[in-house]
Amino acid sequence: MQFTFSVQNLPYLRYLKFVVYASICTLTEPTPWPNPELTGKKVTQYSFSSKQLPMFTELHKIWYKIFDGKFVKVLPSNIEELLKPIGLAHWIMGDGYWDNVSLKLCTDNFTKEEVLILVNILNKKFDLKASINKRTSDNGNVCWRIRISNSSINNLRSLVSPFFIPEMLYKLGIKKNEIGKDAK
């Protein structure tokens, strides 16, 4: 299993490696890319890999299917059952961002139909006002993202903040000096 995040998300990557997955990872620091010692370039991201385990093959079978000879990420059929507040917290820390009025979840690799399923789950299971947003990338590809309405932010924060590391609270629109306060 491999994780790669931007420099800004290095605290989360280190948390994953040294806390969440500590029992299946080495103690070496995450790997920078590009390697500044070899290229002289500024590091833009970091990554780490876990040990190889059979359970990752099983997880891969659940989350990826072969289409046209390529592995494509798909939603598991039981995603509603699988998604819990802790999973939502990690989803936000890994693939969410705060845009000053709402929270967005990057779901670019899923189909529109799959994103609609996720929106419905967020609305029904967690009582979050979620909607789908169309995004056209620089290369013209259309993808879909999820927007959590500002009217649901306090509910979202109370649901997921117990699972957040302090360095990632900015993704919920909470500034470091607001930790412990009723941040709005």
Foldseek 3Di string as FASTA:
>chain_A
DKDKDFPLLQVVQCCCCCPVQVVFADPDRWAFPPPCVVPVDDTTMTMGDGHDDVVVVVVQVQQWDDDPNDTAGEHGPVVLVVDALLNVLVQLSGAWADPPFWIKGDPFRYDPVRVVVVCVSCCPVQVWNKDKDWDQDPVGDIGIMIITGSVCLLSSCVSHVVNDDLSRCVSSVADSVCVPHSHD
